[in-house]
Amino acid sequence: MKIAVMSDIHGNMQALNAVFDDIKEQKCDKIFVLGDYAMAGPQPADVINFFKNKLSNKKYKMIQGNTDLMLAKYSDDLYDMLQDSAPVMAEALKFDAKELSSDEKVFLLTLPEKLEVTEEGVKFLLVHGSPRKNNEDILPNTRLDKVEEMLDGVKADVILCGHTHIPCGFQTKTTKTVINVGSVGRPFTPEPKACYLTIVVENGKCEYEHHFVEYDKNTAFEILRKQNFWGADVLANTLQDPQKRHF
């Protein structure tokens, strides 16, 4: 069995289409999606509806990301709180929450926060940030003892996460595997290609590979830059150069 795992699409249809073209070539049997579908991207509603139409497809397992919950439960208090620490993201949140339909928000709200899935004898735990919190970072430089703290009580063999937009992986002393699958729609890697993970599962064992996919960044940049909120140009710049990230 071959599984594709992706996260953090952030409304980037150009990146999503390129990744799905690659997944077809990889001939994946299942697709796991770890959240952050829409917020602060070029085409939030289009990405939501792409996945909303997959809800009844047993090939897909989907969970909720931290920004999905923020969009679904938007309030002025949440906007004010985010303004203090990340004003560009606050403006993107306010704009996207206004633009999305109630059905699109219900889709985001009703996704599970985490999900256990067993395939070919391997138990996977799908989370967005960490098993403890949907906005907790697992980064390449996170200390192994800190990662193991996050796994306290977790029974799964493999923990799959996103959130940081930077792919990495850990093998713990308790023989658990933790993999951050990176970001499809807003990669923070030096070369900002869309990133996702494939897992080949056979006889209870797994082989993992991160895939880095070129996509039409210029189109995504232009669509996002023209969005009608303060800071849209800043977000657009990060699609082409993550080093310009100032939010």
C-alpha atoms as a PDB file:
ATOM      1  CA  MET A   1       0.000   0.000   0.000  1.00  0.00           C
ATOM      2  CA  LYS A   2       1.144   3.539  -0.785  1.00  0.00           C
ATOM      3  CA  ILE A   3      -0.152   6.554   1.151  1.00  0.00           C
ATOM      4  CA  ALA A   4       0.230  10.248   0.308  1.00  0.00           C
ATOM      5  CA  VAL A   5       0.221  12.649   3.266  1.00  0.00           C
ATOM      6  CA  MET A   6      -0.115  16.415   2.924  1.00  0.00           C
ATOM      7  CA  SER A   7      -0.704  19.448   5.102  1.00  0.00           C
ATOM      8  CA  ASP A   8      -0.928  23.242   5.079  1.00  0.00           C
ATOM      9  CA  ILE A   9      -2.394  23.932   1.656  1.00  0.00           C
ATOM     10  CA  HIS A  10      -3.415  27.466   2.692  1.00  0.00           C
ATOM     11  CA  GLY A  11      -5.658  28.160  -0.275  1.00  0.00           C
ATOM     12  CA  ASN A  12      -2.992  27.486  -2.906  1.00  0.00           C
ATOM     13  CA  MET A  13      -4.803  25.707  -5.742  1.00  0.00           C
ATOM     14  CA  GLN A  14      -1.800  25.888  -8.067  1.00  0.00           C
ATOM     15  CA  ALA A  15       0.350  23.981  -5.568  1.00  0.00           C
ATOM     16  CA  LEU A  16      -2.464  21.562  -4.754  1.00  0.00           C
ATOM     17  CA  ASN A  17      -3.065  20.698  -8.405  1.00  0.00           C
ATOM     18  CA  ALA A  18       0.653  20.102  -8.969  1.00  0.00           C
ATOM     19  CA  VAL A  19       0.853  17.830  -5.924  1.00  0.00           C
ATOM     20  CA  PHE A  20      -2.176  15.819  -7.028  1.00  0.00           C
ATOM     21  CA  ASP A  21      -0.634  15.378 -10.473  1.00  0.00           C
ATOM     22  CA  ASP A  22       2.440  13.986  -8.738  1.00  0.00           C
ATOM     23  CA  ILE A  23       0.333  11.753  -6.475  1.00  0.00           C
ATOM     24  CA  LYS A  24      -1.297  10.242  -9.560  1.00  0.00           C
ATOM     25  CA  GLU A  25       2.148   9.384 -10.921  1.00  0.00           C
ATOM     26  CA  GLN A  26       3.048   7.853  -7.560  1.00  0.00           C
ATOM     27  CA  LYS A  27      -0.121   5.697  -7.751  1.00  0.00           C
ATOM     28  CA  CYS A  28      -1.097   6.251  -4.120  1.00  0.00           C
ATOM     29  CA  ASP A  29      -3.902   4.169  -2.623  1.00  0.00           C
ATOM     30  CA  LYS A  30      -4.834   6.507   0.258  1.00  0.00           C
ATOM     31  CA  ILE A  31      -4.502  10.238   0.943  1.00  0.00           C
ATOM     32  CA  PHE A  32      -4.196  11.739   4.421  1.00  0.00           C
ATOM     33  CA  VAL A  33      -4.675  15.510   4.847  1.00  0.00           C
ATOM     34  CA  LEU A  34      -3.478  17.146   8.068  1.00  0.00           C
ATOM     35  CA  GLY A  35      -5.274  20.491   7.985  1.00  0.00           C
ATOM     36  CA  ASP A  36      -4.866  24.212   7.305  1.00  0.00           C
ATOM     37  CA  TYR A  37      -6.759  24.100   4.036  1.00  0.00           C
ATOM     38  CA  ALA A  38      -7.603  27.707   3.415  1.00  0.00           C
ATOM     39  CA  MET A  39      -6.430  30.659   5.472  1.00  0.00           C
ATOM     40  CA  ALA A  40      -4.215  33.387   4.052  1.00  0.00           C
ATOM     41  CA  GLY A  41      -3.946  31.953   0.568  1.00  0.00           C
ATOM     42  CA  PRO A  42      -4.839  32.799  -3.028  1.00  0.00           C
ATOM     43  CA  GLN A  43      -8.030  30.703  -3.338  1.00  0.00           C
ATOM     44  CA  PRO A  44      -9.318  29.589   0.089  1.00  0.00           C
ATOM     45  CA  ALA A  45     -12.841  28.607  -0.964  1.00  0.00           C
ATOM     46  CA  ASP A  46     -11.635  26.634  -3.988  1.00  0.00           C
ATOM     47  CA  VAL A  47      -9.337  24.506  -1.829  1.00  0.00           C
ATOM     48  CA  ILE A  48     -12.044  23.906   0.778  1.00  0.00           C
ATOM     49  CA  ASN A  49     -14.516  22.796  -1.860  1.00  0.00           C
ATOM     50  CA  PHE A  50     -11.942  20.559  -3.509  1.00  0.00           C
ATOM     51  CA  PHE A  51     -11.646  18.581  -0.273  1.00  0.00           C
ATOM     52  CA  LYS A  52     -15.295  19.002   0.735  1.00  0.00           C
ATOM     53  CA  ASN A  53     -16.165  17.024  -2.383  1.00  0.00           C
ATOM     54  CA  LYS A  54     -13.912  14.179  -1.157  1.00  0.00           C
ATOM     55  CA  LEU A  55     -15.687  13.666   2.181  1.00  0.00           C
ATOM     56  CA  SER A  56     -17.526  10.545   1.044  1.00  0.00           C
ATOM     57  CA  ASN A  57     -14.455   9.083  -0.665  1.00  0.00           C
ATOM     58  CA  LYS A  58     -12.976   6.337   1.525  1.00  0.00           C
ATOM     59  CA  LYS A  59      -9.570   6.951  -0.035  1.00  0.00           C
ATOM     60  CA  TYR A  60      -9.280  10.188   1.997  1.00  0.00           C
ATOM     61  CA  LYS A  61      -8.700  10.811   5.713  1.00  0.00           C
ATOM     62  CA  MET A  62      -8.857  14.487   6.699  1.00  0.00           C
ATOM     63  CA  ILE A  63      -8.343  16.378   9.946  1.00  0.00           C
ATOM     64  CA  GLN A  64      -8.564  19.990  11.105  1.00  0.00           C
ATOM     65  CA  GLY A  65      -5.695  22.463  11.420  1.00  0.00           C
ATOM     66  CA  ASN A  66      -5.381  25.359  13.846  1.00  0.00           C
ATOM     67  CA  THR A  67      -6.258  28.014  11.249  1.00  0.00           C
ATOM     68  CA  ASP A  68      -9.253  25.967  10.104  1.00  0.00           C
ATOM     69  CA  LEU A  69     -10.694  26.241  13.602  1.00  0.00           C
ATOM     70  CA  MET A  70      -9.897  29.964  13.687  1.00  0.00           C
ATOM     71  CA  LEU A  71     -11.803  30.535  10.453  1.00  0.00           C
ATOM     72  CA  ALA A  72     -14.753  28.411  11.529  1.00  0.00           C
ATOM     73  CA  LYS A  73     -15.046  30.133  14.922  1.00  0.00           C
ATOM     74  CA  TYR A  74     -14.010  33.642  13.885  1.00  0.00           C
ATOM     75  CA  SER A  75     -14.753  36.473  16.321  1.00  0.00           C
ATOM     76  CA  ASP A  76     -13.659  40.070  16.786  1.00  0.00           C
ATOM     77  CA  ASP A  77     -11.913  39.019  19.998  1.00  0.00           C
ATOM     78  CA  LEU A  78      -9.847  36.467  18.083  1.00  0.00           C
ATOM     79  CA  TYR A  79      -8.978  39.119  15.494  1.00  0.00           C
ATOM     80  CA  ASP A  80      -7.877  41.569  18.213  1.00  0.00           C
ATOM     81  CA  MET A  81      -5.753  38.922  19.931  1.00  0.00           C
ATOM     82  CA  LEU A  82      -4.000  37.981  16.689  1.00  0.00           C
ATOM     83  CA  GLN A  83      -3.410  41.641  15.818  1.00  0.00           C
ATOM     84  CA  ASP A  84      -1.007  41.930  18.736  1.00  0.00           C
ATOM     85  CA  SER A  85       1.323  39.176  17.555  1.00  0.00           C
ATOM     86  CA  ALA A  86       0.688  38.718  13.808  1.00  0.00           C
ATOM     87  CA  PRO A  87      -1.181  41.642  12.227  1.00  0.00           C
ATOM     88  CA  VAL A  88      -0.899  40.357   8.643  1.00  0.00           C
ATOM     89  CA  MET A  89      -2.395  37.012   9.618  1.00  0.00           C
ATOM     90  CA  ALA A  90      -5.120  38.825  11.557  1.00  0.00           C
ATOM     91  CA  GLU A  91      -6.135  40.728   8.438  1.00  0.00           C
ATOM     92  CA  ALA A  92      -6.071  37.536   6.354  1.00  0.00           C
ATOM     93  CA  LEU A  93      -8.227  35.780   8.950  1.00  0.00           C
ATOM     94  CA  LYS A  94     -10.794  38.588   8.992  1.00  0.00           C
ATOM     95  CA  PHE A  95     -10.961  38.748   5.194  1.00  0.00           C
ATOM     96  CA  ASP A  96     -11.218  34.987   4.668  1.00  0.00           C
ATOM     97  CA  ALA A  97     -13.825  34.542   7.420  1.00  0.00           C
ATOM     98  CA  LYS A  98     -15.996  37.134   5.692  1.00  0.00           C
ATOM     99  CA  GLU A  99     -15.550  35.612   2.240  1.00  0.00           C
ATOM    100  CA  LEU A 100     -16.186  31.951   3.103  1.00  0.00           C
ATOM    101  CA  SER A 101     -19.723  30.578   3.036  1.00  0.00           C
ATOM    102  CA  SER A 102     -21.401  29.009   6.061  1.00  0.00           C
ATOM    103  CA  ASP A 103     -21.146  25.562   4.404  1.00  0.00           C
ATOM    104  CA  GLU A 104     -17.413  26.011   3.897  1.00  0.00           C
ATOM    105  CA  LYS A 105     -16.981  26.974   7.546  1.00  0.00           C
ATOM    106  CA  VAL A 106     -19.054  23.988   8.678  1.00  0.00           C
ATOM    107  CA  PHE A 107     -16.729  21.710   6.710  1.00  0.00           C
ATOM    108  CA  LEU A 108     -13.729  23.133   8.590  1.00  0.00           C
ATOM    109  CA  LEU A 109     -15.488  23.054  11.955  1.00  0.00           C
ATOM    110  CA  THR A 110     -16.628  19.444  11.759  1.00  0.00           C
ATOM    111  CA  LEU A 111     -13.304  17.901  10.771  1.00  0.00           C
ATOM    112  CA  PRO A 112     -11.718  15.865  13.601  1.00  0.00           C
ATOM    113  CA  GLU A 113      -8.818  17.441  15.499  1.00  0.00           C
ATOM    114  CA  LYS A 114      -6.843  14.183  15.265  1.00  0.00           C
ATOM    115  CA  LEU A 115      -7.422  10.731  13.874  1.00  0.00           C
ATOM    116  CA  GLU A 116      -6.051   7.213  14.352  1.00  0.00           C
ATOM    117  CA  VAL A 117      -5.840   5.087  11.217  1.00  0.00           C
ATOM    118  CA  THR A 118      -4.513   1.525  10.907  1.00  0.00           C
ATOM    119  CA  GLU A 119      -3.189   0.360   7.550  1.00  0.00           C
ATOM    120  CA  GLU A 120      -1.454  -2.966   6.894  1.00  0.00           C
ATOM    121  CA  GLY A 121      -0.872  -3.502  10.613  1.00  0.00           C
ATOM    122  CA  VAL A 122       0.657  -0.042  11.216  1.00  0.00           C
ATOM    123  CA  LYS A 123      -1.180   2.365  13.506  1.00  0.00           C
ATOM    124  CA  PHE A 124      -0.917   5.992  12.337  1.00  0.00           C
ATOM    125  CA  LEU A 125      -1.896   9.072  14.353  1.00  0.00           C
ATOM    126  CA  LEU A 126      -2.799  12.107  12.244  1.00  0.00           C
ATOM    127  CA  VAL A 127      -2.338  15.450  13.995  1.00  0.00           C
ATOM    128  CA  HIS A 128      -1.788  18.990  12.814  1.00  0.00           C
ATOM    129  CA  GLY A 129       0.771  20.377  15.257  1.00  0.00           C
ATOM    130  CA  SER A 130       1.520  17.711  17.867  1.00  0.00           C
ATOM    131  CA  PRO A 131      -0.526  15.077  19.707  1.00  0.00           C
ATOM    132  CA  ARG A 132      -0.919  17.640  22.529  1.00  0.00           C
ATOM    133  CA  LYS A 133      -1.849  20.820  20.651  1.00  0.00           C
ATOM    134  CA  ASN A 134      -2.827  21.739  17.119  1.00  0.00           C
ATOM    135  CA  ASN A 135      -0.387  24.685  17.119  1.00  0.00           C
ATOM    136  CA  GLU A 136       2.647  23.065  18.765  1.00  0.00           C
ATOM    137  CA  ASP A 137       5.771  23.057  16.587  1.00  0.00           C
ATOM    138  CA  ILE A 138       7.745  19.975  15.641  1.00  0.00           C
ATOM    139  CA  LEU A 139      10.758  21.368  13.808  1.00  0.00           C
ATOM    140  CA  PRO A 140      14.059  19.899  12.566  1.00  0.00           C
ATOM    141  CA  ASN A 141      15.865  21.413  15.578  1.00  0.00           C
ATOM    142  CA  THR A 142      13.300  20.341  18.197  1.00  0.00           C
ATOM    143  CA  ARG A 143      15.119  18.310  20.840  1.00  0.00           C
ATOM    144  CA  LEU A 144      14.282  14.619  20.846  1.00  0.00           C
ATOM    145  CA  ASP A 145      13.355  14.671  24.532  1.00  0.00           C
ATOM    146  CA  LYS A 146      10.816  17.437  23.798  1.00  0.00           C
ATOM    147  CA  VAL A 147       9.333  15.406  20.963  1.00  0.00           C
ATOM    148  CA  GLU A 148       9.046  12.402  23.283  1.00  0.00           C
ATOM    149  CA  GLU A 149       7.241  14.578  25.860  1.00  0.00           C
ATOM    150  CA  MET A 150       4.669  15.441  23.198  1.00  0.00           C
ATOM    151  CA  LEU A 151       4.064  11.719  22.605  1.00  0.00           C
ATOM    152  CA  ASP A 152       3.198  10.888  26.202  1.00  0.00           C
ATOM    153  CA  GLY A 153       0.310   8.401  26.150  1.00  0.00           C
ATOM    154  CA  VAL A 154       0.319   7.993  22.364  1.00  0.00           C
ATOM    155  CA  LYS A 155      -0.199   4.376  21.289  1.00  0.00           C
ATOM    156  CA  ALA A 156       0.358   4.819  17.557  1.00  0.00           C
ATOM    157  CA  ASP A 157       3.463   3.565  15.764  1.00  0.00           C
ATOM    158  CA  VAL A 158       3.742   6.567  13.441  1.00  0.00           C
ATOM    159  CA  ILE A 159       2.781  10.178  14.188  1.00  0.00           C
ATOM    160  CA  LEU A 160       2.197  12.394  11.135  1.00  0.00           C
ATOM    161  CA  CYS A 161       2.099  16.181  11.548  1.00  0.00           C
ATOM    162  CA  GLY A 162       2.429  19.505   9.742  1.00  0.00           C
ATOM    163  CA  HIS A 163       1.903  23.090  10.969  1.00  0.00           C
ATOM    164  CA  THR A 164       5.503  24.360  10.749  1.00  0.00           C
ATOM    165  CA  HIS A 165       5.733  24.158   6.933  1.00  0.00           C
ATOM    166  CA  ILE A 166       9.190  22.558   7.315  1.00  0.00           C
ATOM    167  CA  PRO A 167       9.602  18.806   6.703  1.00  0.00           C
ATOM    168  CA  CYS A 168      11.563  16.690   9.174  1.00  0.00           C
ATOM    169  CA  GLY A 169      11.485  13.376  10.990  1.00  0.00           C
ATOM    170  CA  PHE A 170      12.396  11.674  14.262  1.00  0.00           C
ATOM    171  CA  GLN A 171      12.891   8.137  15.503  1.00  0.00           C
ATOM    172  CA  THR A 172      12.232   8.043  19.248  1.00  0.00           C
ATOM    173  CA  LYS A 173      13.785   5.839  21.911  1.00  0.00           C
ATOM    174  CA  THR A 174      10.391   4.151  22.238  1.00  0.00           C
ATOM    175  CA  THR A 175      10.603   3.156  18.530  1.00  0.00           C
ATOM    176  CA  LYS A 176       7.902   5.590  17.435  1.00  0.00           C
ATOM    177  CA  THR A 177       8.340   7.467  14.181  1.00  0.00           C
ATOM    178  CA  VAL A 178       7.384  11.152  13.963  1.00  0.00           C
ATOM    179  CA  ILE A 179       7.289  12.856  10.566  1.00  0.00           C
ATOM    180  CA  ASN A 180       6.456  16.443   9.700  1.00  0.00           C
ATOM    181  CA  VAL A 181       5.182  16.292   6.124  1.00  0.00           C
ATOM    182  CA  GLY A 182       5.927  19.946   5.261  1.00  0.00           C
ATOM    183  CA  SER A 183       3.571  22.276   3.405  1.00  0.00           C
ATOM    184  CA  VAL A 184       1.843  22.059   0.059  1.00  0.00           C
ATOM    185  CA  GLY A 185       0.767  25.672  -0.230  1.00  0.00           C
ATOM    186  CA  ARG A 186       3.261  27.804   1.681  1.00  0.00           C
ATOM    187  CA  PRO A 187       6.550  25.942   2.104  1.00  0.00           C
ATOM    188  CA  PHE A 188       9.152  27.572   4.338  1.00  0.00           C
ATOM    189  CA  THR A 189      12.027  25.578   2.880  1.00  0.00           C
ATOM    190  CA  PRO A 190      14.848  27.558   1.195  1.00  0.00           C
ATOM    191  CA  GLU A 191      13.604  26.423  -2.215  1.00  0.00           C
ATOM    192  CA  PRO A 192       9.826  26.865  -1.886  1.00  0.00           C
ATOM    193  CA  LYS A 193       8.485  23.847  -3.738  1.00  0.00           C
ATOM    194  CA  ALA A 194       5.213  22.228  -2.691  1.00  0.00           C
ATOM    195  CA  CYS A 195       6.024  19.394  -0.293  1.00  0.00           C
ATOM    196  CA  TYR A 196       4.207  16.208   0.669  1.00  0.00           C
ATOM    197  CA  LEU A 197       5.087  12.739   1.971  1.00  0.00           C
ATOM    198  CA  THR A 198       4.591   9.234   0.629  1.00  0.00           C
ATOM    199  CA  ILE A 199       4.615   6.121   2.792  1.00  0.00           C
ATOM    200  CA  VAL A 200       4.960   2.621   1.413  1.00  0.00           C
ATOM    201  CA  VAL A 201       3.491   0.172   3.947  1.00  0.00           C
ATOM    202  CA  GLU A 202       4.291  -3.515   3.574  1.00  0.00           C
ATOM    203  CA  ASN A 203       4.285  -6.340   6.117  1.00  0.00           C
ATOM    204  CA  GLY A 204       3.981  -3.931   9.037  1.00  0.00           C
ATOM    205  CA  LYS A 205       6.959  -1.819   7.934  1.00  0.00           C
ATOM    206  CA  CYS A 206       7.098   1.641   6.356  1.00  0.00           C
ATOM    207  CA  GLU A 207       9.317   3.472   3.913  1.00  0.00           C
ATOM    208  CA  TYR A 208       9.022   7.274   3.836  1.00  0.00           C
ATOM    209  CA  GLU A 209       9.871   9.870   1.193  1.00  0.00           C
ATOM    210  CA  HIS A 210       9.318  13.627   1.089  1.00  0.00           C
ATOM    211  CA  HIS A 211       8.483  14.890  -2.404  1.00  0.00           C
ATOM    212  CA  PHE A 212       9.205  18.448  -3.564  1.00  0.00           C
ATOM    213  CA  VAL A 213       7.060  19.581  -6.480  1.00  0.00           C
ATOM    214  CA  GLU A 214       7.381  22.613  -8.734  1.00  0.00           C
ATOM    215  CA  TYR A 215       4.171  24.567  -9.289  1.00  0.00           C
ATOM    216  CA  ASP A 216       3.006  27.811 -10.909  1.00  0.00           C
ATOM    217  CA  LYS A 217       4.142  30.203  -8.174  1.00  0.00           C
ATOM    218  CA  ASN A 218       3.672  33.263 -10.388  1.00  0.00           C
ATOM    219  CA  THR A 219      -0.069  32.674 -10.791  1.00  0.00           C
ATOM    220  CA  ALA A 220      -0.508  31.966  -7.072  1.00  0.00           C
ATOM    221  CA  PHE A 221       1.513  35.109  -6.280  1.00  0.00           C
ATOM    222  CA  GLU A 222      -0.608  37.340  -8.518  1.00  0.00           C
ATOM    223  CA  ILE A 223      -3.930  36.019  -7.200  1.00  0.00           C
ATOM    224  CA  LEU A 224      -2.890  36.441  -3.569  1.00  0.00           C
ATOM    225  CA  ARG A 225      -1.269  39.842  -4.099  1.00  0.00           C
ATOM    226  CA  LYS A 226      -4.576  41.199  -5.426  1.00  0.00           C
ATOM    227  CA  GLN A 227      -6.641  40.041  -2.444  1.00  0.00           C
ATOM    228  CA  ASN A 228      -8.394  42.951  -0.761  1.00  0.00           C
ATOM    229  CA  PHE A 229      -6.736  43.037   2.654  1.00  0.00           C
ATOM    230  CA  TRP A 230      -3.741  44.785   4.157  1.00  0.00           C
ATOM    231  CA  GLY A 231      -0.651  42.565   3.978  1.00  0.00           C
ATOM    232  CA  ALA A 232      -1.776  40.425   1.038  1.00  0.00           C
ATOM    233  CA  ASP A 233       1.359  41.471  -0.858  1.00  0.00           C
ATOM    234  CA  VAL A 234       3.538  40.379   2.083  1.00  0.00           C
ATOM    235  CA  LEU A 235       1.932  36.943   2.093  1.00  0.00           C
ATOM    236  CA  ALA A 236       2.281  36.712  -1.689  1.00  0.00           C
ATOM    237  CA  ASN A 237       6.013  37.442  -1.478  1.00  0.00           C
ATOM    238  CA  THR A 238       6.557  34.455   0.820  1.00  0.00           C
ATOM    239  CA  LEU A 239       5.298  32.098  -1.886  1.00  0.00           C
ATOM    240  CA  GLN A 240       8.323  33.033  -3.971  1.00  0.00           C
ATOM    241  CA  ASP A 241      10.808  33.716  -1.194  1.00  0.00           C
ATOM    242  CA  PRO A 242      10.121  32.386   2.328  1.00  0.00           C
ATOM    243  CA  GLN A 243      13.006  34.517   3.632  1.00  0.00           C
ATOM    244  CA  LYS A 244      10.687  37.528   3.193  1.00  0.00           C
ATOM    245  CA  ARG A 245       8.421  36.128   5.907  1.00  0.00           C
ATOM    246  CA  HIS A 246       7.676  38.907   8.402  1.00  0.00           C
ATOM    247  CA  PHE A 247       4.392  37.873  10.041  1.00  0.00           C
END
